[in-house]
């Protein structure tokens, strides 16, 4: 995730929280509405920046490195996983 992606994500989260606080949102429906409005604010800002720079903010980069492949534990012969 690029620096710009992190900033726009933070903008969406901050906008959502402030909208929810300003309307005293309670419950899933009111908070979901605040989330949509906060996301639209960040989207509008991102699209404006992209139109001015001619570059996409969205990248295929991951912030975290790829996870290492997990090793599987081998069971001893004669032992099954469904014994109680």
PDB file of N, CA and C in Angstrom:
ATOM      1  N   UNK A   1       0.855  -1.168   0.000  1.00  0.00           N
ATOM      2  CA  UNK A   1       0.000   0.000   0.000  1.00  0.00           C
ATOM      3  C   UNK A   1       0.905   1.237   0.000  1.00  0.00           C
ATOM      4  N   UNK A   2       0.622   2.149  -0.869  1.00  0.00           N
ATOM      5  CA  UNK A   2       1.453   3.341  -0.993  1.00  0.00           C
ATOM      6  C   UNK A   2       1.104   4.360   0.102  1.00  0.00           C
ATOM      7  N   UNK A   3       1.959   5.353   0.211  1.00  0.00           N
ATOM      8  CA  UNK A   3       1.728   6.417   1.193  1.00  0.00           C
ATOM      9  C   UNK A   3       0.397   7.122   0.920  1.00  0.00           C
ATOM     10  N   UNK A   4       0.108   7.388  -0.339  1.00  0.00           N
ATOM     11  CA  UNK A   4      -1.142   8.063  -0.705  1.00  0.00           C
ATOM     12  C   UNK A   4      -2.351   7.204  -0.332  1.00  0.00           C
ATOM     13  N   UNK A   5      -2.271   5.897  -0.577  1.00  0.00           N
ATOM     14  CA  UNK A   5      -3.382   5.015  -0.212  1.00  0.00           C
ATOM     15  C   UNK A   5      -3.638   5.044   1.290  1.00  0.00           C
ATOM     16  N   UNK A   6      -2.565   5.047   2.074  1.00  0.00           N
ATOM     17  CA  UNK A   6      -2.716   5.111   3.527  1.00  0.00           C
ATOM     18  C   UNK A   6      -3.361   6.421   3.950  1.00  0.00           C
ATOM     19  N   UNK A   7      -2.971   7.508   3.316  1.00  0.00           N
ATOM     20  CA  UNK A   7      -3.525   8.815   3.665  1.00  0.00           C
ATOM     21  C   UNK A   7      -5.013   8.890   3.325  1.00  0.00           C
ATOM     22  N   UNK A   8      -5.391   8.389   2.164  1.00  0.00           N
ATOM     23  CA  UNK A   8      -6.804   8.433   1.792  1.00  0.00           C
ATOM     24  C   UNK A   8      -7.643   7.484   2.647  1.00  0.00           C
ATOM     25  N   UNK A   9      -7.058   6.368   3.066  1.00  0.00           N
ATOM     26  CA  UNK A   9      -7.753   5.469   3.992  1.00  0.00           C
ATOM     27  C   UNK A   9      -7.967   6.168   5.326  1.00  0.00           C
ATOM     28  N   UNK A  10      -6.944   6.865   5.797  1.00  0.00           N
ATOM     29  CA  UNK A  10      -7.067   7.604   7.054  1.00  0.00           C
ATOM     30  C   UNK A  10      -8.119   8.710   6.930  1.00  0.00           C
ATOM     31  N   UNK A  11      -8.169   9.379   5.775  1.00  0.00           N
ATOM     32  CA  UNK A  11      -9.181  10.410   5.547  1.00  0.00           C
ATOM     33  C   UNK A  11     -10.580   9.818   5.605  1.00  0.00           C
ATOM     34  N   UNK A  12     -10.778   8.667   4.991  1.00  0.00           N
ATOM     35  CA  UNK A  12     -12.084   8.009   5.015  1.00  0.00           C
ATOM     36  C   UNK A  12     -12.487   7.642   6.443  1.00  0.00           C
ATOM     37  N   UNK A  13     -11.535   7.113   7.215  1.00  0.00           N
ATOM     38  CA  UNK A  13     -11.827   6.721   8.593  1.00  0.00           C
ATOM     39  C   UNK A  13     -12.133   7.929   9.468  1.00  0.00           C
ATOM     40  N   UNK A  14     -11.345   8.990   9.328  1.00  0.00           N
ATOM     41  CA  UNK A  14     -11.571  10.203  10.109  1.00  0.00           C
ATOM     42  C   UNK A  14     -12.908  10.834   9.748  1.00  0.00           C
ATOM     43  N   UNK A  15     -13.206  10.929   8.459  1.00  0.00           N
ATOM     44  CA  UNK A  15     -14.466  11.504   7.999  1.00  0.00           C
ATOM     45  C   UNK A  15     -15.651  10.712   8.538  1.00  0.00           C
ATOM     46  N   UNK A  16     -15.542   9.398   8.462  1.00  0.00           N
ATOM     47  CA  UNK A  16     -16.613   8.524   8.950  1.00  0.00           C
ATOM     48  C   UNK A  16     -16.849   8.731  10.439  1.00  0.00           C
ATOM     49  N   UNK A  17     -15.769   8.749  11.211  1.00  0.00           N
ATOM     50  CA  UNK A  17     -15.901   8.910  12.663  1.00  0.00           C
ATOM     51  C   UNK A  17     -16.518  10.259  13.007  1.00  0.00           C
ATOM     52  N   UNK A  18     -16.069  11.321  12.348  1.00  0.00           N
ATOM     53  CA  UNK A  18     -16.595  12.641  12.659  1.00  0.00           C
ATOM     54  C   UNK A  18     -18.052  12.784  12.243  1.00  0.00           C
ATOM     55  N   UNK A  19     -18.438  12.193  11.127  1.00  0.00           N
ATOM     56  CA  UNK A  19     -19.839  12.222  10.699  1.00  0.00           C
ATOM     57  C   UNK A  19     -20.699  11.457  11.694  1.00  0.00           C
ATOM     58  N   UNK A  20     -20.245  10.274  12.094  1.00  0.00           N
ATOM     59  CA  UNK A  20     -20.996   9.463  13.064  1.00  0.00           C
ATOM     60  C   UNK A  20     -21.162  10.202  14.391  1.00  0.00           C
ATOM     61  N   UNK A  21     -20.105  10.883  14.829  1.00  0.00           N
ATOM     62  CA  UNK A  21     -20.184  11.639  16.082  1.00  0.00           C
ATOM     63  C   UNK A  21     -21.127  12.832  15.956  1.00  0.00           C
ATOM     64  N   UNK A  22     -21.121  13.492  14.813  1.00  0.00           N
ATOM     65  CA  UNK A  22     -21.944  14.692  14.645  1.00  0.00           C
ATOM     66  C   UNK A  22     -23.438  14.384  14.610  1.00  0.00           C
ATOM     67  N   UNK A  23     -23.796  13.174  14.173  1.00  0.00           N
ATOM     68  CA  UNK A  23     -25.217  12.802  14.130  1.00  0.00           C
ATOM     69  C   UNK A  23     -25.589  11.843  15.260  1.00  0.00           C
ATOM     70  N   UNK A  24     -24.637  11.638  16.176  1.00  0.00           N
ATOM     71  CA  UNK A  24     -24.847  10.702  17.291  1.00  0.00           C
ATOM     72  C   UNK A  24     -25.342   9.351  16.785  1.00  0.00           C
ATOM     73  N   UNK A  25     -24.626   8.804  15.813  1.00  0.00           N
ATOM     74  CA  UNK A  25     -25.012   7.532  15.195  1.00  0.00           C
ATOM     75  C   UNK A  25     -24.972   6.403  16.218  1.00  0.00           C
ATOM     76  N   UNK A  26     -26.054   5.633  16.230  1.00  0.00           N
ATOM     77  CA  UNK A  26     -26.124   4.433  17.053  1.00  0.00           C
ATOM     78  C   UNK A  26     -26.679   3.310  16.193  1.00  0.00           C
ATOM     79  N   UNK A  27     -26.133   2.150  16.339  1.00  0.00           N
ATOM     80  CA  UNK A  27     -26.618   1.006  15.574  1.00  0.00           C
ATOM     81  C   UNK A  27     -25.958   0.891  14.218  1.00  0.00           C
ATOM     82  N   UNK A  28     -26.197  -0.247  13.627  1.00  0.00           N
ATOM     83  CA  UNK A  28     -25.560  -0.603  12.363  1.00  0.00           C
ATOM     84  C   UNK A  28     -25.987   0.304  11.211  1.00  0.00           C
ATOM     85  N   UNK A  29     -27.251   0.605  11.090  1.00  0.00           N
ATOM     86  CA  UNK A  29     -27.755   1.372   9.948  1.00  0.00           C
ATOM     87  C   UNK A  29     -27.175   2.780   9.930  1.00  0.00           C
ATOM     88  N   UNK A  30     -27.218   3.464  11.071  1.00  0.00           N
ATOM     89  CA  UNK A  30     -26.707   4.833  11.120  1.00  0.00           C
ATOM     90  C   UNK A  30     -25.190   4.880  10.913  1.00  0.00           C
ATOM     91  N   UNK A  31     -24.473   3.922  11.484  1.00  0.00           N
ATOM     92  CA  UNK A  31     -23.016   3.884  11.305  1.00  0.00           C
ATOM     93  C   UNK A  31     -22.633   3.501   9.882  1.00  0.00           C
ATOM     94  N   UNK A  32     -23.409   2.633   9.248  1.00  0.00           N
ATOM     95  CA  UNK A  32     -23.152   2.273   7.852  1.00  0.00           C
ATOM     96  C   UNK A  32     -23.353   3.485   6.953  1.00  0.00           C
ATOM     97  N   UNK A  33     -24.366   4.296   7.253  1.00  0.00           N
ATOM     98  CA  UNK A  33     -24.618   5.519   6.486  1.00  0.00           C
ATOM     99  C   UNK A  33     -23.442   6.488   6.643  1.00  0.00           C
ATOM    100  N   UNK A  34     -22.948   6.640   7.867  1.00  0.00           N
ATOM    101  CA  UNK A  34     -21.787   7.500   8.108  1.00  0.00           C
ATOM    102  C   UNK A  34     -20.569   6.962   7.359  1.00  0.00           C
ATOM    103  N   UNK A  35     -20.416   5.639   7.312  1.00  0.00           N
ATOM    104  CA  UNK A  35     -19.305   5.019   6.597  1.00  0.00           C
ATOM    105  C   UNK A  35     -19.349   5.300   5.106  1.00  0.00           C
ATOM    106  N   UNK A  36     -20.540   5.232   4.534  1.00  0.00           N
ATOM    107  CA  UNK A  36     -20.685   5.518   3.108  1.00  0.00           C
ATOM    108  C   UNK A  36     -20.327   6.972   2.814  1.00  0.00           C
ATOM    109  N   UNK A  37     -20.799   7.882   3.661  1.00  0.00           N
ATOM    110  CA  UNK A  37     -20.515   9.303   3.452  1.00  0.00           C
ATOM    111  C   UNK A  37     -19.028   9.591   3.619  1.00  0.00           C
ATOM    112  N   UNK A  38     -18.397   8.996   4.618  1.00  0.00           N
ATOM    113  CA  UNK A  38     -16.964   9.184   4.828  1.00  0.00           C
ATOM    114  C   UNK A  38     -16.147   8.636   3.672  1.00  0.00           C
ATOM    115  N   UNK A  39     -16.563   7.485   3.153  1.00  0.00           N
ATOM    116  CA  UNK A  39     -15.883   6.894   2.002  1.00  0.00           C
ATOM    117  C   UNK A  39     -16.015   7.742   0.758  1.00  0.00           C
ATOM    118  N   UNK A  40     -17.169   8.365   0.576  1.00  0.00           N
ATOM    119  CA  UNK A  40     -17.375   9.225  -0.587  1.00  0.00           C
ATOM    120  C   UNK A  40     -16.492  10.464  -0.531  1.00  0.00           C
ATOM    121  N   UNK A  41     -16.270  10.993   0.676  1.00  0.00           N
ATOM    122  CA  UNK A  41     -15.387  12.154   0.830  1.00  0.00           C
ATOM    123  C   UNK A  41     -13.975  11.789   0.386  1.00  0.00           C
ATOM    124  N   UNK A  42     -13.476  10.641   0.853  1.00  0.00           N
ATOM    125  CA  UNK A  42     -12.127  10.208   0.490  1.00  0.00           C
ATOM    126  C   UNK A  42     -12.041   9.886  -1.000  1.00  0.00           C
ATOM    127  N   UNK A  43     -13.074   9.281  -1.551  1.00  0.00           N
ATOM    128  CA  UNK A  43     -13.072   8.949  -2.977  1.00  0.00           C
ATOM    129  C   UNK A  43     -13.014  10.218  -3.822  1.00  0.00           C
ATOM    130  N   UNK A  44     -13.797  11.222  -3.436  1.00  0.00           N
ATOM    131  CA  UNK A  44     -13.808  12.484  -4.182  1.00  0.00           C
ATOM    132  C   UNK A  44     -12.417  13.132  -4.155  1.00  0.00           C
ATOM    133  N   UNK A  45     -11.776  13.121  -2.985  1.00  0.00           N
ATOM    134  CA  UNK A  45     -10.433  13.691  -2.854  1.00  0.00           C
ATOM    135  C   UNK A  45      -9.422  12.899  -3.688  1.00  0.00           C
ATOM    136  N   UNK A  46      -9.524  11.563  -3.668  1.00  0.00           N
ATOM    137  CA  UNK A  46      -8.606  10.723  -4.449  1.00  0.00           C
ATOM    138  C   UNK A  46      -8.765  10.980  -5.940  1.00  0.00           C
ATOM    139  N   UNK A  47      -9.998  11.026  -6.405  1.00  0.00           N
ATOM    140  CA  UNK A  47     -10.235  11.264  -7.833  1.00  0.00           C
ATOM    141  C   UNK A  47      -9.741  12.644  -8.253  1.00  0.00           C
ATOM    142  N   UNK A  48      -9.900  13.629  -7.383  1.00  0.00           N
ATOM    143  CA  UNK A  48      -9.398  14.978  -7.681  1.00  0.00           C
ATOM    144  C   UNK A  48      -7.876  14.973  -7.824  1.00  0.00           C
ATOM    145  N   UNK A  49      -7.194  14.306  -6.901  1.00  0.00           N
ATOM    146  CA  UNK A  49      -5.729  14.223  -6.978  1.00  0.00           C
ATOM    147  C   UNK A  49      -5.300  13.488  -8.245  1.00  0.00           C
ATOM    148  N   UNK A  50      -5.967  12.375  -8.548  1.00  0.00           N
ATOM    149  CA  UNK A  50      -5.613  11.611  -9.747  1.00  0.00           C
ATOM    150  C   UNK A  50      -5.814  12.444 -11.013  1.00  0.00           C
ATOM    151  N   UNK A  51      -6.869  13.265 -11.047  1.00  0.00           N
ATOM    152  CA  UNK A  51      -7.115  14.081 -12.243  1.00  0.00           C
ATOM    153  C   UNK A  51      -6.067  15.185 -12.387  1.00  0.00           C
ATOM    154  N   UNK A  52      -5.566  15.700 -11.272  1.00  0.00           N
ATOM    155  CA  UNK A  52      -4.559  16.765 -11.327  1.00  0.00           C
ATOM    156  C   UNK A  52      -3.170  16.238 -11.649  1.00  0.00           C
ATOM    157  N   UNK A  53      -2.845  15.029 -11.181  1.00  0.00           N
ATOM    158  CA  UNK A  53      -1.503  14.475 -11.388  1.00  0.00           C
ATOM    159  C   UNK A  53      -1.420  13.560 -12.599  1.00  0.00           C
ATOM    160  N   UNK A  54      -2.547  13.011 -13.014  1.00  0.00           N
ATOM    161  CA  UNK A  54      -2.545  12.053 -14.112  1.00  0.00           C
ATOM    162  C   UNK A  54      -2.032  10.688 -13.708  1.00  0.00           C
ATOM    163  N   UNK A  55      -1.873  10.473 -12.395  1.00  0.00           N
ATOM    164  CA  UNK A  55      -1.381   9.193 -11.883  1.00  0.00           C
ATOM    165  C   UNK A  55      -2.411   8.573 -10.957  1.00  0.00           C
ATOM    166  N   UNK A  56      -2.481   7.250 -11.006  1.00  0.00           N
ATOM    167  CA  UNK A  56      -3.398   6.527 -10.128  1.00  0.00           C
ATOM    168  C   UNK A  56      -2.811   6.434  -8.721  1.00  0.00           C
ATOM    169  N   UNK A  57      -3.668   6.630  -7.732  1.00  0.00           N
ATOM    170  CA  UNK A  57      -3.264   6.484  -6.333  1.00  0.00           C
ATOM    171  C   UNK A  57      -3.231   5.005  -5.959  1.00  0.00           C
ATOM    172  N   UNK A  58      -4.110   4.218  -6.553  1.00  0.00           N
ATOM    173  CA  UNK A  58      -4.233   2.802  -6.246  1.00  0.00           C
ATOM    174  C   UNK A  58      -3.037   2.045  -6.816  1.00  0.00           C
ATOM    175  N   UNK A  59      -2.420   1.205  -5.990  1.00  0.00           N
ATOM    176  CA  UNK A  59      -1.294   0.395  -6.436  1.00  0.00           C
ATOM    177  C   UNK A  59      -1.582  -1.070  -6.152  1.00  0.00           C
ATOM    178  N   UNK A  60      -0.753  -1.924  -6.696  1.00  0.00           N
ATOM    179  CA  UNK A  60      -0.893  -3.356  -6.407  1.00  0.00           C
ATOM    180  C   UNK A  60       0.053  -3.770  -5.289  1.00  0.00           C
ATOM    181  N   UNK A  61       0.736  -2.805  -4.701  1.00  0.00           N
ATOM    182  CA  UNK A  61       1.667  -3.100  -3.615  1.00  0.00           C
ATOM    183  C   UNK A  61       0.908  -3.509  -2.363  1.00  0.00           C
ATOM    184  N   UNK A  62       1.489  -4.399  -1.601  1.00  0.00           N
ATOM    185  CA  UNK A  62       0.961  -4.739  -0.290  1.00  0.00           C
ATOM    186  C   UNK A  62       1.824  -4.057   0.750  1.00  0.00           C
ATOM    187  N   UNK A  63       1.213  -3.573   1.800  1.00  0.00           N
ATOM    188  CA  UNK A  63       1.968  -2.944   2.869  1.00  0.00           C
ATOM    189  C   UNK A  63       2.784  -3.991   3.612  1.00  0.00           C
ATOM    190  N   UNK A  64       2.204  -5.156   3.810  1.00  0.00           N
ATOM    191  CA  UNK A  64       2.891  -6.237   4.501  1.00  0.00           C
ATOM    192  C   UNK A  64       3.515  -7.186   3.485  1.00  0.00           C
ATOM    193  N   UNK A  65       4.654  -7.787   3.828  1.00  0.00           N
ATOM    194  CA  UNK A  65       5.248  -8.761   2.913  1.00  0.00           C
ATOM    195  C   UNK A  65       4.359 -10.000   2.829  1.00  0.00           C
ATOM    196  N   UNK A  66       4.469 -10.756   1.759  1.00  0.00           N
ATOM    197  CA  UNK A  66       3.647 -11.967   1.638  1.00  0.00           C
ATOM    198  C   UNK A  66       3.899 -12.906   2.818  1.00  0.00           C
ATOM    199  N   UNK A  67       2.846 -13.566   3.247  1.00  0.00           N
ATOM    200  CA  UNK A  67       2.962 -14.504   4.369  1.00  0.00           C
ATOM    201  C   UNK A  67       3.790 -15.713   3.950  1.00  0.00           C
ATOM    202  N   UNK A  68       4.559 -16.216   4.887  1.00  0.00           N
ATOM    203  CA  UNK A  68       5.334 -17.424   4.629  1.00  0.00           C
ATOM    204  C   UNK A  68       4.385 -18.613   4.629  1.00  0.00           C
ATOM    205  N   UNK A  69       4.709 -19.590   3.826  1.00  0.00           N
ATOM    206  CA  UNK A  69       3.877 -20.779   3.759  1.00  0.00           C
ATOM    207  C   UNK A  69       3.961 -21.508   5.096  1.00  0.00           C
ATOM    208  N   UNK A  70       2.800 -21.850   5.639  1.00  0.00           N
ATOM    209  CA  UNK A  70       2.762 -22.532   6.928  1.00  0.00           C
ATOM    210  C   UNK A  70       3.071 -24.010   6.760  1.00  0.00           C
ATOM    211  N   UNK A  71       3.837 -24.523   7.704  1.00  0.00           N
ATOM    212  CA  UNK A  71       4.140 -25.950   7.698  1.00  0.00           C
ATOM    213  C   UNK A  71       2.977 -26.709   8.298  1.00  0.00           C
ATOM    214  N   UNK A  72       2.684 -27.842   7.722  1.00  0.00           N
ATOM    215  CA  UNK A  72       1.612 -28.669   8.253  1.00  0.00           C
ATOM    216  C   UNK A  72       2.190 -29.696   9.207  1.00  0.00           C
ATOM    217  N   UNK A  73       1.471 -29.931  10.281  1.00  0.00           N
ATOM    218  CA  UNK A  73       1.901 -30.912  11.273  1.00  0.00           C
ATOM    219  C   UNK A  73       1.524 -32.303  10.772  1.00  0.00           C
ATOM    220  N   UNK A  74       2.478 -33.201  10.788  1.00  0.00           N
ATOM    221  CA  UNK A  74       2.214 -34.570  10.359  1.00  0.00           C
ATOM    222  C   UNK A  74       1.725 -35.365  11.562  1.00  0.00           C
ATOM    223  N   UNK A  75       0.687 -36.158  11.330  1.00  0.00           N
ATOM    224  CA  UNK A  75       0.154 -36.997  12.412  1.00  0.00           C
ATOM    225  C   UNK A  75       0.864 -38.339  12.413  1.00  0.00           C
ATOM    226  N   UNK A  76       0.989 -38.901  13.611  1.00  0.00           N
ATOM    227  CA  UNK A  76       1.577 -40.226  13.731  1.00  0.00           C
ATOM    228  C   UNK A  76       0.586 -41.250  13.204  1.00  0.00           C
ATOM    229  N   UNK A  77       1.077 -42.331  12.634  1.00  0.00           N
ATOM    230  CA  UNK A  77       0.178 -43.379  12.122  1.00  0.00           C
ATOM    231  C   UNK A  77      -0.706 -43.926  13.239  1.00  0.00           C
ATOM    232  N   UNK A  78      -1.975 -44.156  12.921  1.00  0.00           N
ATOM    233  CA  UNK A  78      -2.903 -44.734  13.882  1.00  0.00           C
ATOM    234  C   UNK A  78      -3.629 -43.704  14.731  1.00  0.00           C
ATOM    235  N   UNK A  79      -3.315 -42.430  14.580  1.00  0.00           N
ATOM    236  CA  UNK A  79      -3.992 -41.388  15.349  1.00  0.00           C
ATOM    237  C   UNK A  79      -4.850 -40.574  14.366  1.00  0.00           C
ATOM    238  N   UNK A  80      -6.140 -40.475  14.667  1.00  0.00           N
ATOM    239  CA  UNK A  80      -7.018 -39.685  13.823  1.00  0.00           C
ATOM    240  C   UNK A  80      -7.416 -38.420  14.572  1.00  0.00           C
ATOM    241  N   UNK A  81      -7.797 -37.411  13.844  1.00  0.00           N
ATOM    242  CA  UNK A  81      -8.145 -36.123  14.435  1.00  0.00           C
ATOM    243  C   UNK A  81      -9.510 -36.056  15.051  1.00  0.00           C
ATOM    244  N   UNK A  82     -10.365 -37.115  14.857  1.00  0.00           N
ATOM    245  CA  UNK A  82     -11.707 -37.032  15.399  1.00  0.00           C
ATOM    246  C   UNK A  82     -11.931 -37.871  16.639  1.00  0.00           C
ATOM    247  N   UNK A  83     -10.898 -38.210  17.373  1.00  0.00           N
ATOM    248  CA  UNK A  83     -11.063 -38.917  18.631  1.00  0.00           C
ATOM    249  C   UNK A  83     -11.434 -37.920  19.717  1.00  0.00           C
ATOM    250  N   UNK A  84     -12.245 -38.360  20.665  1.00  0.00           N
ATOM    251  CA  UNK A  84     -12.658 -37.459  21.747  1.00  0.00           C
ATOM    252  C   UNK A  84     -11.917 -37.741  23.004  1.00  0.00           C
TER     253      UNK A  84
END
